[in-house]
N, C-alpha and C. Protein backbone atom coordinates (compact mmCIF):
# COMPACT_ATOMS: atom_id res chain seq x y z
N UNK A 1 7.20 -7.05 30.86
CA UNK A 1 7.31 -8.15 30.21
C UNK A 1 8.64 -8.47 30.26
N UNK A 2 9.01 -9.84 30.30
CA UNK A 2 10.64 -10.76 30.06
C UNK A 2 10.98 -10.47 28.62
N UNK A 3 11.92 -10.08 28.16
CA UNK A 3 12.20 -9.77 26.80
C UNK A 3 12.33 -11.10 25.96
N UNK A 4 12.76 -12.26 26.91
CA UNK A 4 12.39 -13.65 26.17
C UNK A 4 11.00 -13.79 25.74
N UNK A 5 10.20 -13.24 25.88
CA UNK A 5 8.67 -13.40 25.57
C UNK A 5 8.32 -12.89 24.79
N UNK A 6 8.89 -11.86 24.12
CA UNK A 6 8.54 -10.91 23.01
C UNK A 6 8.36 -11.75 21.77
N UNK A 7 9.02 -12.79 21.50
CA UNK A 7 8.51 -13.23 20.36
C UNK A 7 7.56 -13.53 20.02
N UNK A 8 6.90 -14.16 21.28
CA UNK A 8 5.52 -14.84 21.32
C UNK A 8 4.28 -14.37 21.93
N UNK A 9 4.88 -12.99 21.76
CA UNK A 9 3.83 -11.92 22.69
C UNK A 9 2.89 -11.38 21.73
N UNK A 10 1.77 -11.00 21.84
CA UNK A 10 0.95 -10.04 20.84
C UNK A 10 1.47 -9.00 20.62
N UNK A 11 0.98 -8.12 19.08
CA UNK A 11 1.74 -7.25 18.89
C UNK A 11 1.21 -6.11 19.52
N UNK A 12 2.03 -4.99 19.91
CA UNK A 12 1.05 -3.90 20.45
C UNK A 12 0.72 -3.01 19.73
N UNK A 13 1.23 -2.90 18.38
CA UNK A 13 0.74 -1.98 17.22
C UNK A 13 1.47 -2.27 16.28
N UNK A 14 1.20 -1.89 14.80
CA UNK A 14 2.27 -2.16 13.51
C UNK A 14 2.66 -0.78 13.46
N UNK A 15 3.91 -0.84 12.86
CA UNK A 15 4.62 0.36 12.34
C UNK A 15 5.29 0.40 11.09
N UNK A 16 5.31 1.11 10.06
CA UNK A 16 5.87 1.10 8.54
C UNK A 16 7.13 1.88 8.39
N UNK A 17 8.20 1.11 7.98
CA UNK A 17 9.54 1.58 7.77
C UNK A 17 9.52 2.47 6.64
N UNK A 18 9.99 3.85 6.95
CA UNK A 18 10.47 4.90 6.10
C UNK A 18 11.55 4.46 5.56
N UNK A 19 12.43 4.26 5.81
CA UNK A 19 13.46 4.35 5.30
C UNK A 19 14.61 3.23 5.80
N UNK A 20 16.17 2.94 5.10
CA UNK A 20 16.86 2.28 6.07
C UNK A 20 18.31 2.85 5.78
N UNK A 21 18.57 4.19 5.81
CA UNK A 21 19.48 5.00 5.26
C UNK A 21 20.14 5.29 6.68
N UNK A 22 21.04 4.40 7.13
CA UNK A 22 21.58 4.41 8.81
C UNK A 22 22.90 5.11 8.15
N UNK A 23 23.40 5.92 9.29
CA UNK A 23 24.64 6.37 9.43
C UNK A 23 25.65 5.62 10.13
N UNK A 24 25.46 4.93 10.94
CA UNK A 24 26.22 4.11 11.70
C UNK A 24 26.38 2.50 11.68
N UNK A 25 25.29 1.91 11.61
CA UNK A 25 24.63 0.64 11.26
C UNK A 25 23.96 0.26 9.86
N UNK A 26 24.17 -1.00 9.93
CA UNK A 26 23.67 -1.57 8.56
C UNK A 26 21.94 -2.14 8.63
N UNK A 27 21.14 -1.60 8.42
CA UNK A 27 19.77 -1.79 8.69
C UNK A 27 19.23 -2.20 7.33
N UNK A 28 19.41 -2.18 6.17
CA UNK A 28 18.93 -2.61 5.33
C UNK A 28 19.00 -4.39 5.05
N UNK A 29 19.65 -5.11 5.27
CA UNK A 29 19.79 -6.31 5.46
C UNK A 29 18.38 -6.85 6.40
N UNK A 30 17.94 -6.19 7.33
CA UNK A 30 16.90 -6.58 8.23
C UNK A 30 15.27 -5.93 8.24
N UNK A 31 15.54 -4.44 7.55
CA UNK A 31 14.39 -3.57 7.24
C UNK A 31 14.21 -3.54 5.60
N UNK A 32 12.59 -3.49 5.24
CA UNK A 32 12.25 -3.13 4.04
C UNK A 32 11.73 -1.75 4.20
N UNK A 33 12.02 -0.72 3.37
CA UNK A 33 11.06 0.46 3.24
C UNK A 33 10.02 0.23 2.86
N UNK A 34 8.84 0.54 3.41
CA UNK A 34 7.52 0.45 3.10
C UNK A 34 6.95 -0.66 3.66
N UNK A 35 7.62 -1.36 4.36
CA UNK A 35 6.90 -2.82 4.78
C UNK A 35 6.56 -2.62 6.28
N UNK A 36 5.15 -3.07 6.84
CA UNK A 36 4.83 -2.90 7.90
C UNK A 36 5.45 -4.21 9.06
N UNK A 37 5.89 -3.60 10.24
CA UNK A 37 6.44 -4.56 11.10
C UNK A 37 5.31 -4.55 12.32
N UNK A 38 5.53 -5.68 13.09
CA UNK A 38 4.92 -5.78 14.39
C UNK A 38 5.59 -5.42 15.50
N UNK A 39 5.12 -4.05 16.32
CA UNK A 39 5.80 -3.81 17.39
C UNK A 39 5.61 -4.84 18.51
N UNK A 40 6.78 -5.31 19.24
CA UNK A 40 6.70 -6.15 20.30
C UNK A 40 6.84 -5.36 21.69
N UNK A 41 7.50 -4.31 21.55
CA UNK A 41 8.03 -3.45 22.68
C UNK A 41 8.85 -1.99 22.26
N UNK A 42 8.39 -1.22 23.31
CA UNK A 42 8.82 0.09 22.88
C UNK A 42 9.32 1.23 24.05
N UNK A 43 10.60 1.57 23.77
CA UNK A 43 11.23 3.01 25.04
C UNK A 43 11.06 4.43 24.01
N UNK A 44 12.05 4.94 24.93
CA UNK A 44 11.48 6.31 24.34
C UNK A 44 12.77 6.41 23.38
N UNK A 45 13.49 5.61 23.26
CA UNK A 45 14.65 5.87 21.72
C UNK A 45 14.49 4.65 20.90
N UNK A 46 14.23 3.81 21.41
CA UNK A 46 13.67 2.25 20.57
C UNK A 46 12.62 1.72 20.32
N UNK A 47 12.21 1.11 19.19
CA UNK A 47 11.11 0.30 19.09
C UNK A 47 11.58 -1.11 18.42
N UNK A 48 11.01 -1.93 19.33
CA UNK A 48 11.16 -3.28 18.95
C UNK A 48 10.19 -4.09 18.28
N UNK A 49 10.63 -4.78 17.18
CA UNK A 49 10.27 -5.01 16.23
C UNK A 49 10.36 -6.75 15.74
N UNK A 50 9.25 -7.30 15.17
CA UNK A 50 9.94 -8.60 14.15
C UNK A 50 10.36 -8.20 13.03
N UNK A 51 11.76 -8.58 13.12
CA UNK A 51 12.53 -7.98 11.39
C UNK A 51 12.24 -9.14 10.43
N UNK A 52 12.88 -8.94 9.16
CA UNK A 52 12.94 -9.83 8.19
C UNK A 52 13.50 -11.10 8.56
N UNK A 53 14.33 -11.40 9.39
CA UNK A 53 14.62 -12.62 9.70
C UNK A 53 14.17 -13.49 10.76
N UNK A 54 12.86 -12.69 11.10
CA UNK A 54 11.80 -13.54 12.24
C UNK A 54 12.37 -13.11 13.52
N UNK A 55 13.51 -12.42 13.98
CA UNK A 55 13.66 -12.35 15.34
C UNK A 55 13.36 -10.96 15.93
N UNK A 56 13.33 -10.67 16.99
CA UNK A 56 13.03 -9.32 17.41
C UNK A 56 14.19 -8.57 17.70
N UNK A 57 14.29 -7.47 16.92
CA UNK A 57 15.37 -6.69 16.91
C UNK A 57 14.95 -5.20 17.29
N UNK A 58 15.83 -4.43 17.76
CA UNK A 58 15.81 -3.17 18.59
C UNK A 58 16.13 -2.02 17.50
N UNK A 59 15.38 -1.16 17.19
CA UNK A 59 15.95 -0.15 16.22
C UNK A 59 15.57 1.43 16.36
N UNK A 60 16.31 2.31 16.22
CA UNK A 60 15.93 3.50 16.83
C UNK A 60 14.23 4.08 15.90
N UNK A 61 13.79 4.98 16.35
CA UNK A 61 12.46 4.98 15.93
C UNK A 61 12.48 6.04 14.75
N UNK A 62 13.66 6.59 14.44
CA UNK A 62 13.69 7.50 13.26
C UNK A 62 13.36 6.69 11.85
N UNK A 63 13.53 5.28 12.25
CA UNK A 63 13.24 4.37 10.96
C UNK A 63 11.60 4.20 10.60
N UNK A 64 11.03 4.34 11.31
CA UNK A 64 9.78 3.83 11.08
C UNK A 64 8.65 5.27 11.24
N UNK A 65 7.43 4.90 10.74
CA UNK A 65 6.53 6.25 10.82
C UNK A 65 5.52 5.85 12.02
């Protein structure tokens, strides 16, 4: 699937954010611990979810359950 279609595509599944304690990047502005997010795509290292801004963003899997 083309990345331009992810926003309108149905969710693969939902995941829950478990923390926003990032060592290098600031993710607390776009993720909320305890909130469920719709997964649009997934790789070995990243999960692409619709974040709090309404856009699809890629985050490390360590932030989610």
